[in-house]
Amino acid sequence: METANFLIVVIAITVVAGIGIGSMVWAYVGTGSRAVLFKEPISNVVSDQKAEALQQFQQGLIAFREGHYPAAIEQFTQVIQLDPTFAEVYHDRGLAFANLRRDDDATFNLVKASELYLERGDRASVTIVKQNLEALKARKQAREKAS
């Protein structure tokens, strides 16, 4: 009888742990609870970027388009390590963070992208970043009203 009770307890603990681990993996992969605010990344690139950085950037774009935002963020972070002046990478990393509802990280990256765009005189891209920031702000206000 004790063995049967012990097995029932072990099975119950295993099921609970399995559900918990499964939920964490699901959230980490990016298919958990998220509202995709930005469906497409920014893919126009100034041609003076390093070849290795461009290759990593393309891999990040693929991950972004497939909805694998954590993987896209990892790729974009590697690009930033190779070329910290690559504005589009900060822009896309910000959009990926926004899609994961990491709004503070998204805002930081979008502001950094706008600074880099301004340094090279790209006002059109700064305007796009402003629109992205406004969309983030609107989502935040909508969430606060719903609470």
C-alpha atoms as a PDB file:
ATOM      1  CA  MET A   1       0.000   0.000   0.000  1.00  0.00           C
ATOM      2  CA  GLU A   2       2.810   2.426   0.843  1.00  0.00           C
ATOM      3  CA  THR A   3       4.463   1.743  -2.515  1.00  0.00           C
ATOM      4  CA  ALA A   4       1.248   2.572  -4.373  1.00  0.00           C
ATOM      5  CA  ASN A   5       0.852   5.858  -2.476  1.00  0.00           C
ATOM      6  CA  PHE A   6       4.486   6.706  -3.109  1.00  0.00           C
ATOM      7  CA  LEU A   7       4.073   6.068  -6.851  1.00  0.00           C
ATOM      8  CA  ILE A   8       0.947   8.239  -6.974  1.00  0.00           C
ATOM      9  CA  VAL A   9       2.809  11.112  -5.283  1.00  0.00           C
ATOM     10  CA  VAL A  10       5.800  10.728  -7.640  1.00  0.00           C
ATOM     11  CA  ILE A  11       3.518  10.691 -10.689  1.00  0.00           C
ATOM     12  CA  ALA A  12       1.639  13.775  -9.461  1.00  0.00           C
ATOM     13  CA  ILE A  13       4.890  15.668  -8.852  1.00  0.00           C
ATOM     14  CA  THR A  14       6.213  14.628 -12.275  1.00  0.00           C
ATOM     15  CA  VAL A  15       3.045  15.848 -14.007  1.00  0.00           C
ATOM     16  CA  VAL A  16       3.115  19.201 -12.200  1.00  0.00           C
ATOM     17  CA  ALA A  17       6.838  19.666 -12.924  1.00  0.00           C
ATOM     18  CA  GLY A  18       6.321  18.681 -16.562  1.00  0.00           C
ATOM     19  CA  ILE A  19       3.542  21.227 -17.003  1.00  0.00           C
ATOM     20  CA  GLY A  20       5.662  23.927 -15.342  1.00  0.00           C
ATOM     21  CA  ILE A  21       8.740  23.214 -17.443  1.00  0.00           C
ATOM     22  CA  GLY A  22       6.640  22.960 -20.590  1.00  0.00           C
ATOM     23  CA  SER A  23       5.070  26.359 -19.880  1.00  0.00           C
ATOM     24  CA  MET A  24       8.468  27.959 -19.325  1.00  0.00           C
ATOM     25  CA  VAL A  25       9.857  26.510 -22.558  1.00  0.00           C
ATOM     26  CA  TRP A  26       6.741  27.616 -24.424  1.00  0.00           C
ATOM     27  CA  ALA A  27       7.128  31.176 -23.118  1.00  0.00           C
ATOM     28  CA  TYR A  28      10.876  31.263 -23.850  1.00  0.00           C
ATOM     29  CA  VAL A  29      10.448  30.070 -27.419  1.00  0.00           C
ATOM     30  CA  GLY A  30       8.082  32.965 -27.938  1.00  0.00           C
ATOM     31  CA  THR A  31       4.850  31.152 -28.680  1.00  0.00           C
ATOM     32  CA  GLY A  32       3.304  31.938 -25.342  1.00  0.00           C
ATOM     33  CA  SER A  33       1.158  34.899 -24.485  1.00  0.00           C
ATOM     34  CA  ARG A  34       2.185  37.758 -26.729  1.00  0.00           C
ATOM     35  CA  ALA A  35       0.577  40.332 -28.917  1.00  0.00           C
ATOM     36  CA  VAL A  36       2.545  40.808 -32.101  1.00  0.00           C
ATOM     37  CA  LEU A  37       2.674  44.542 -32.552  1.00  0.00           C
ATOM     38  CA  PHE A  38       5.192  44.556 -35.402  1.00  0.00           C
ATOM     39  CA  LYS A  39       4.779  41.809 -37.993  1.00  0.00           C
ATOM     40  CA  GLU A  40       7.640  42.832 -40.301  1.00  0.00           C
ATOM     41  CA  PRO A  41      11.194  43.866 -39.445  1.00  0.00           C
ATOM     42  CA  ILE A  42      13.040  46.800 -40.977  1.00  0.00           C
ATOM     43  CA  SER A  43      15.110  45.268 -43.751  1.00  0.00           C
ATOM     44  CA  ASN A  44      16.465  48.234 -45.702  1.00  0.00           C
ATOM     45  CA  VAL A  45      20.183  48.475 -44.981  1.00  0.00           C
ATOM     46  CA  VAL A  46      22.906  50.988 -45.769  1.00  0.00           C
ATOM     47  CA  SER A  47      25.451  49.197 -47.959  1.00  0.00           C
ATOM     48  CA  ASP A  48      28.545  50.104 -45.918  1.00  0.00           C
ATOM     49  CA  GLN A  49      27.954  47.380 -43.305  1.00  0.00           C
ATOM     50  CA  LYS A  50      30.465  44.588 -42.707  1.00  0.00           C
ATOM     51  CA  ALA A  51      29.786  41.342 -44.615  1.00  0.00           C
ATOM     52  CA  GLU A  52      29.753  39.211 -41.461  1.00  0.00           C
ATOM     53  CA  ALA A  53      27.369  41.631 -39.754  1.00  0.00           C
ATOM     54  CA  LEU A  54      25.066  41.608 -42.787  1.00  0.00           C
ATOM     55  CA  GLN A  55      24.979  37.808 -42.787  1.00  0.00           C
ATOM     56  CA  GLN A  56      24.054  37.687 -39.089  1.00  0.00           C
ATOM     57  CA  PHE A  57      21.487  40.430 -39.692  1.00  0.00           C
ATOM     58  CA  GLN A  58      19.834  38.363 -42.437  1.00  0.00           C
ATOM     59  CA  GLN A  59      19.607  35.383 -40.059  1.00  0.00           C
ATOM     60  CA  GLY A  60      17.954  37.638 -37.494  1.00  0.00           C
ATOM     61  CA  LEU A  61      15.460  38.851 -40.098  1.00  0.00           C
ATOM     62  CA  ILE A  62      14.549  35.262 -40.967  1.00  0.00           C
ATOM     63  CA  ALA A  63      13.981  34.416 -37.295  1.00  0.00           C
ATOM     64  CA  PHE A  64      11.898  37.590 -36.866  1.00  0.00           C
ATOM     65  CA  ARG A  65       9.687  36.822 -39.880  1.00  0.00           C
ATOM     66  CA  GLU A  66       9.139  33.276 -38.580  1.00  0.00           C
ATOM     67  CA  GLY A  67       8.022  34.669 -35.224  1.00  0.00           C
ATOM     68  CA  HIS A  68      11.066  33.375 -33.336  1.00  0.00           C
ATOM     69  CA  TYR A  69      11.680  36.657 -31.533  1.00  0.00           C
ATOM     70  CA  PRO A  70      14.109  35.402 -28.857  1.00  0.00           C
ATOM     71  CA  ALA A  71      16.281  33.855 -31.591  1.00  0.00           C
ATOM     72  CA  ALA A  72      16.057  37.066 -33.617  1.00  0.00           C
ATOM     73  CA  ILE A  73      17.146  39.080 -30.574  1.00  0.00           C
ATOM     74  CA  GLU A  74      20.141  36.774 -30.112  1.00  0.00           C
ATOM     75  CA  GLN A  75      21.155  37.215 -33.762  1.00  0.00           C
ATOM     76  CA  PHE A  76      20.712  40.990 -33.605  1.00  0.00           C
ATOM     77  CA  THR A  77      22.764  41.138 -30.396  1.00  0.00           C
ATOM     78  CA  GLN A  78      25.603  39.312 -32.145  1.00  0.00           C
ATOM     79  CA  VAL A  79      25.421  41.832 -35.007  1.00  0.00           C
ATOM     80  CA  ILE A  80      25.659  44.715 -32.537  1.00  0.00           C
ATOM     81  CA  GLN A  81      28.815  43.148 -31.108  1.00  0.00           C
ATOM     82  CA  LEU A  82      30.274  43.085 -34.635  1.00  0.00           C
ATOM     83  CA  ASP A  83      29.060  46.565 -35.605  1.00  0.00           C
ATOM     84  CA  PRO A  84      27.626  48.780 -32.833  1.00  0.00           C
ATOM     85  CA  THR A  85      26.696  51.524 -35.339  1.00  0.00           C
ATOM     86  CA  PHE A  86      24.257  49.350 -37.335  1.00  0.00           C
ATOM     87  CA  ALA A  87      21.039  51.323 -36.740  1.00  0.00           C
ATOM     88  CA  GLU A  88      18.672  48.852 -38.399  1.00  0.00           C
ATOM     89  CA  VAL A  89      19.780  46.128 -35.993  1.00  0.00           C
ATOM     90  CA  TYR A  90      18.825  48.214 -32.966  1.00  0.00           C
ATOM     91  CA  HIS A  91      15.557  49.045 -34.710  1.00  0.00           C
ATOM     92  CA  ASP A  92      14.687  45.407 -35.406  1.00  0.00           C
ATOM     93  CA  ARG A  93      15.859  44.254 -31.983  1.00  0.00           C
ATOM     94  CA  GLY A  94      13.527  46.869 -30.506  1.00  0.00           C
ATOM     95  CA  LEU A  95      10.626  45.559 -32.587  1.00  0.00           C
ATOM     96  CA  ALA A  96      11.383  41.980 -31.493  1.00  0.00           C
ATOM     97  CA  PHE A  97      11.474  43.034 -27.826  1.00  0.00           C
ATOM     98  CA  ALA A  98       8.151  44.829 -28.338  1.00  0.00           C
ATOM     99  CA  ASN A  99       6.602  41.667 -29.759  1.00  0.00           C
ATOM    100  CA  LEU A 100       7.656  39.860 -26.581  1.00  0.00           C
ATOM    101  CA  ARG A 101       6.112  42.689 -24.504  1.00  0.00           C
ATOM    102  CA  ARG A 102       9.499  43.724 -23.174  1.00  0.00           C
ATOM    103  CA  ASP A 103       8.633  47.374 -23.671  1.00  0.00           C
ATOM    104  CA  ASP A 104      11.538  48.891 -21.715  1.00  0.00           C
ATOM    105  CA  ASP A 105      14.069  46.937 -23.789  1.00  0.00           C
ATOM    106  CA  ALA A 106      12.130  47.829 -26.929  1.00  0.00           C
ATOM    107  CA  THR A 107      12.150  51.529 -26.083  1.00  0.00           C
ATOM    108  CA  PHE A 108      15.886  51.530 -25.329  1.00  0.00           C
ATOM    109  CA  ASN A 109      16.700  49.900 -28.674  1.00  0.00           C
ATOM    110  CA  LEU A 110      14.346  52.097 -30.672  1.00  0.00           C
ATOM    111  CA  VAL A 111      15.793  55.263 -29.129  1.00  0.00           C
ATOM    112  CA  LYS A 112      19.332  54.019 -29.868  1.00  0.00           C
ATOM    113  CA  ALA A 113      18.300  53.310 -33.474  1.00  0.00           C
ATOM    114  CA  SER A 114      16.900  56.822 -33.848  1.00  0.00           C
ATOM    115  CA  GLU A 115      20.155  58.316 -32.524  1.00  0.00           C
ATOM    116  CA  LEU A 116      22.163  56.330 -35.081  1.00  0.00           C
ATOM    117  CA  TYR A 117      19.739  57.269 -37.864  1.00  0.00           C
ATOM    118  CA  LEU A 118      20.123  60.946 -36.930  1.00  0.00           C
ATOM    119  CA  GLU A 119      23.923  60.651 -37.007  1.00  0.00           C
ATOM    120  CA  ARG A 120      23.750  59.615 -40.645  1.00  0.00           C
ATOM    121  CA  GLY A 121      20.976  62.076 -41.490  1.00  0.00           C
ATOM    122  CA  ASP A 122      18.246  59.487 -42.131  1.00  0.00           C
ATOM    123  CA  ARG A 123      15.155  61.444 -41.088  1.00  0.00           C
ATOM    124  CA  ALA A 124      12.733  59.040 -42.794  1.00  0.00           C
ATOM    125  CA  SER A 125      13.882  56.196 -40.538  1.00  0.00           C
ATOM    126  CA  VAL A 126      13.640  58.446 -37.472  1.00  0.00           C
ATOM    127  CA  THR A 127      10.007  59.084 -38.413  1.00  0.00           C
ATOM    128  CA  ILE A 128       9.376  55.327 -38.569  1.00  0.00           C
ATOM    129  CA  VAL A 129      10.970  54.876 -35.135  1.00  0.00           C
ATOM    130  CA  LYS A 130       8.704  57.616 -33.747  1.00  0.00           C
ATOM    131  CA  GLN A 131       5.674  55.772 -35.142  1.00  0.00           C
ATOM    132  CA  ASN A 132       6.910  52.536 -33.545  1.00  0.00           C
ATOM    133  CA  LEU A 133       7.340  54.284 -30.180  1.00  0.00           C
ATOM    134  CA  GLU A 134       3.839  55.752 -30.469  1.00  0.00           C
ATOM    135  CA  ALA A 135       2.436  52.264 -31.131  1.00  0.00           C
ATOM    136  CA  LEU A 136       4.218  50.987 -28.003  1.00  0.00           C
ATOM    137  CA  LYS A 137       2.807  53.865 -25.977  1.00  0.00           C
ATOM    138  CA  ALA A 138      -0.718  53.244 -27.286  1.00  0.00           C
ATOM    139  CA  ARG A 139      -0.501  49.543 -26.389  1.00  0.00           C
ATOM    140  CA  LYS A 140       0.724  50.408 -22.894  1.00  0.00           C
ATOM    141  CA  GLN A 141      -2.132  52.871 -22.384  1.00  0.00           C
ATOM    142  CA  ALA A 142      -4.663  50.307 -23.619  1.00  0.00           C
ATOM    143  CA  ARG A 143      -3.294  47.729 -21.160  1.00  0.00           C
ATOM    144  CA  GLU A 144      -3.491  50.244 -18.307  1.00  0.00           C
ATOM    145  CA  LYS A 145      -7.121  51.052 -19.150  1.00  0.00           C
ATOM    146  CA  ALA A 146      -7.986  47.355 -19.225  1.00  0.00           C
ATOM    147  CA  SER A 147      -6.471  46.817 -15.766  1.00  0.00           C
END
